[in-house]
Each structure stands twice: as C-alpha cells, then as structure tokens.
N, C-alpha and C. Protein backbone atom coordinates (compact mmCIF):
# COMPACT_ATOMS: atom_id res chain seq x y z
N MET A 1 108.46 101.76 92.97
CA MET A 1 107.82 102.40 94.08
C MET A 1 107.10 101.35 94.92
N ALA A 2 107.26 101.42 96.24
CA ALA A 2 106.66 100.43 97.14
C ALA A 2 105.15 100.62 97.21
N LYS A 3 104.47 99.50 97.28
CA LYS A 3 103.01 99.54 97.38
C LYS A 3 102.61 99.98 98.79
N VAL A 4 101.68 100.91 98.88
CA VAL A 4 101.18 101.38 100.16
C VAL A 4 100.20 100.35 100.70
N LYS A 5 100.36 100.00 101.97
CA LYS A 5 99.46 99.03 102.57
C LYS A 5 98.10 99.65 102.81
N GLY A 6 97.07 98.88 102.52
CA GLY A 6 95.71 99.32 102.76
C GLY A 6 95.22 98.81 104.11
N VAL A 7 94.06 99.26 104.49
CA VAL A 7 93.50 98.92 105.79
C VAL A 7 93.33 97.40 105.96
N HIS A 8 92.98 96.70 104.88
CA HIS A 8 92.79 95.25 104.99
C HIS A 8 94.11 94.48 105.03
N ASP A 9 95.21 95.16 104.72
CA ASP A 9 96.53 94.55 104.85
C ASP A 9 97.04 94.63 106.29
N MET A 10 96.52 95.59 107.06
CA MET A 10 97.04 95.84 108.40
C MET A 10 96.13 95.39 109.53
N PHE A 11 94.83 95.22 109.25
CA PHE A 11 93.87 94.91 110.30
C PHE A 11 93.02 93.70 109.96
N TYR A 12 92.61 92.99 111.01
CA TYR A 12 91.56 91.99 110.89
C TYR A 12 90.26 92.63 111.33
N PHE A 13 89.19 92.35 110.59
CA PHE A 13 87.86 92.81 110.92
C PHE A 13 87.08 91.63 111.50
N VAL A 14 85.87 91.89 111.97
CA VAL A 14 85.11 90.84 112.66
C VAL A 14 84.92 89.61 111.78
N ASP A 15 84.66 89.78 110.49
CA ASP A 15 84.48 88.62 109.61
C ASP A 15 85.75 87.78 109.51
N ASP A 16 86.90 88.44 109.54
CA ASP A 16 88.18 87.72 109.51
C ASP A 16 88.37 86.89 110.77
N VAL A 17 88.07 87.51 111.93
CA VAL A 17 88.21 86.81 113.21
C VAL A 17 87.24 85.64 113.28
N MET A 18 86.02 85.84 112.79
CA MET A 18 85.04 84.76 112.77
C MET A 18 85.56 83.57 111.96
N GLN A 19 86.12 83.85 110.80
CA GLN A 19 86.63 82.79 109.93
C GLN A 19 87.86 82.10 110.52
N LEU A 20 88.78 82.89 111.07
CA LEU A 20 90.01 82.32 111.61
C LEU A 20 89.78 81.47 112.84
N LEU A 21 88.89 81.92 113.73
CA LEU A 21 88.71 81.24 115.01
C LEU A 21 87.44 80.40 115.09
N GLY A 22 86.52 80.60 114.16
CA GLY A 22 85.29 79.81 114.15
C GLY A 22 84.30 80.24 115.22
N PHE A 23 84.36 81.47 115.66
CA PHE A 23 83.45 81.97 116.69
C PHE A 23 82.31 82.75 116.05
N SER A 24 81.29 83.00 116.86
CA SER A 24 80.15 83.81 116.42
C SER A 24 80.60 85.25 116.25
N ARG A 25 79.74 86.05 115.64
CA ARG A 25 80.03 87.48 115.44
C ARG A 25 80.20 88.18 116.79
N SER A 26 79.31 87.91 117.75
CA SER A 26 79.41 88.61 119.04
C SER A 26 80.67 88.22 119.80
N LYS A 27 81.05 86.94 119.77
CA LYS A 27 82.27 86.50 120.43
C LYS A 27 83.50 87.12 119.75
N SER A 28 83.47 87.21 118.44
CA SER A 28 84.58 87.80 117.69
C SER A 28 84.74 89.28 118.02
N TYR A 29 83.61 89.99 118.16
CA TYR A 29 83.69 91.40 118.57
C TYR A 29 84.27 91.53 119.98
N LYS A 30 83.93 90.60 120.86
CA LYS A 30 84.48 90.63 122.23
C LYS A 30 85.98 90.41 122.21
N ILE A 31 86.45 89.51 121.37
CA ILE A 31 87.89 89.26 121.25
C ILE A 31 88.60 90.51 120.73
N ILE A 32 88.06 91.12 119.68
CA ILE A 32 88.64 92.35 119.14
C ILE A 32 88.67 93.43 120.21
N SER A 33 87.59 93.56 120.95
CA SER A 33 87.51 94.57 122.00
C SER A 33 88.56 94.34 123.08
N GLU A 34 88.74 93.09 123.48
CA GLU A 34 89.72 92.76 124.53
C GLU A 34 91.15 93.05 124.04
N LEU A 35 91.45 92.65 122.82
CA LEU A 35 92.78 92.91 122.27
C LEU A 35 93.03 94.41 122.13
N ASN A 36 92.01 95.15 121.69
CA ASN A 36 92.16 96.60 121.57
C ASN A 36 92.32 97.26 122.93
N LYS A 37 91.68 96.72 123.93
CA LYS A 37 91.84 97.25 125.30
C LYS A 37 93.29 97.08 125.74
N GLU A 38 93.88 95.91 125.46
CA GLU A 38 95.28 95.66 125.81
C GLU A 38 96.19 96.64 125.07
N LEU A 39 95.92 96.86 123.80
CA LEU A 39 96.74 97.79 123.01
C LEU A 39 96.60 99.22 123.54
N ALA A 40 95.40 99.61 123.89
CA ALA A 40 95.17 100.96 124.41
C ALA A 40 95.92 101.17 125.72
N GLU A 41 95.97 100.13 126.55
CA GLU A 41 96.71 100.22 127.82
C GLU A 41 98.21 100.38 127.58
N GLN A 42 98.67 99.95 126.41
CA GLN A 42 100.08 100.11 126.04
C GLN A 42 100.32 101.46 125.37
N GLY A 43 99.27 102.26 125.27
CA GLY A 43 99.40 103.57 124.66
C GLY A 43 99.23 103.59 123.15
N LYS A 44 98.77 102.49 122.58
CA LYS A 44 98.57 102.40 121.13
C LYS A 44 97.20 102.96 120.76
N MET A 45 97.10 103.49 119.56
CA MET A 45 95.81 103.95 119.05
C MET A 45 95.05 102.74 118.52
N VAL A 46 93.77 102.64 118.86
CA VAL A 46 92.95 101.52 118.42
C VAL A 46 91.69 102.04 117.74
N PHE A 47 91.05 101.15 116.98
CA PHE A 47 89.84 101.49 116.25
C PHE A 47 88.80 100.40 116.48
N ASP A 48 87.58 100.81 116.77
CA ASP A 48 86.50 99.85 117.00
C ASP A 48 86.29 98.95 115.79
N GLY A 49 86.04 97.67 116.06
CA GLY A 49 85.68 96.74 115.01
C GLY A 49 86.83 96.19 114.20
N ARG A 50 88.06 96.51 114.58
CA ARG A 50 89.23 95.98 113.87
C ARG A 50 90.39 95.89 114.83
N VAL A 51 91.29 94.97 114.54
CA VAL A 51 92.46 94.79 115.39
C VAL A 51 93.68 94.57 114.51
N SER A 52 94.82 95.05 114.97
CA SER A 52 96.07 94.90 114.24
C SER A 52 96.34 93.42 113.96
N LYS A 53 96.63 93.10 112.71
CA LYS A 53 96.95 91.71 112.35
C LYS A 53 98.18 91.23 113.11
N ARG A 54 99.17 92.09 113.21
CA ARG A 54 100.41 91.72 113.89
C ARG A 54 100.14 91.36 115.35
N TYR A 55 99.37 92.20 116.05
CA TYR A 55 99.10 91.96 117.46
C TYR A 55 98.21 90.72 117.63
N PHE A 56 97.21 90.58 116.78
CA PHE A 56 96.31 89.43 116.84
C PHE A 56 97.08 88.12 116.73
N THR A 57 97.93 88.01 115.70
CA THR A 57 98.65 86.76 115.50
C THR A 57 99.67 86.52 116.61
N GLU A 58 100.31 87.58 117.07
CA GLU A 58 101.27 87.45 118.17
C GLU A 58 100.57 87.02 119.46
N ARG A 59 99.49 87.69 119.79
CA ARG A 59 98.79 87.44 121.06
C ARG A 59 98.16 86.06 121.12
N LEU A 60 97.66 85.57 119.98
CA LEU A 60 97.03 84.26 119.94
C LEU A 60 98.01 83.15 119.58
N GLY A 61 99.28 83.50 119.34
CA GLY A 61 100.29 82.49 119.03
C GLY A 61 100.07 81.82 117.69
N LEU A 62 99.62 82.58 116.72
CA LEU A 62 99.29 82.01 115.41
C LEU A 62 100.28 82.37 114.32
N GLU A 63 101.46 82.88 114.69
CA GLU A 63 102.41 83.33 113.69
C GLU A 63 102.71 82.24 112.66
N ALA A 64 103.04 81.06 113.10
CA ALA A 64 103.42 79.98 112.19
C ALA A 64 102.24 79.50 111.35
N GLU A 65 101.06 79.44 111.96
CA GLU A 65 99.88 78.93 111.27
C GLU A 65 99.41 79.86 110.16
N LEU A 66 99.62 81.16 110.32
CA LEU A 66 99.12 82.12 109.34
C LEU A 66 100.16 82.56 108.33
N GLN A 67 101.38 82.02 108.41
CA GLN A 67 102.42 82.35 107.44
C GLN A 67 102.10 81.63 106.13
N PRO A 68 102.31 82.30 105.00
CA PRO A 68 102.13 81.62 103.72
C PRO A 68 103.07 80.43 103.62
N ARG A 69 102.57 79.34 103.14
CA ARG A 69 103.40 78.13 103.01
C ARG A 69 104.21 78.20 101.73
N ARG A 70 105.45 77.81 101.86
CA ARG A 70 106.32 77.79 100.68
C ARG A 70 106.32 76.40 100.10
N ARG A 71 106.34 76.37 98.79
CA ARG A 71 106.36 75.09 98.10
C ARG A 71 107.78 74.54 98.08
N ALA A 72 107.88 73.25 98.27
CA ALA A 72 109.19 72.60 98.19
C ALA A 72 109.67 72.62 96.75
N VAL A 73 110.97 72.84 96.59
CA VAL A 73 111.54 72.90 95.23
C VAL A 73 112.20 71.61 94.90
C-alpha cells in the first residue's frame, strides 16, 4: 500500500524557507505570501504560512539543488 503524503511532504513552512534561503522570518513570510498570490491568480487553492514545495522549487529554479544526491557506484 502506498504511503499517504503528509502536509510536511507537500509544503514548505516559514522555518523551511528561512533555512533554505537564509532570510529572516518576516522576509520568508513575504516570499510565501507572494508565491501564494501567484498560485491564487492561477486558480489554485492556497494556505497562509505554507507554500507548495513543487511550486517553490520550480519558481526559484532550485530543482537541481534540492534533489537528493545519488552516490556513485
């Protein structure tokens, strides 16, 4: 049976954004708010204080940087 994804598997919260980008809490909330505004304009449902991991990494161009690294065999 497939594991159901939890909220922390699908969203970044302010502490995650702070750690990833090195910004203050207030700046991180502003980034989340801006990204959520863009998603809402696309007709997506958004939630205060969190942003879709997929959209965050896509929008900031971090796909390659946040991918788990594979060990050479």
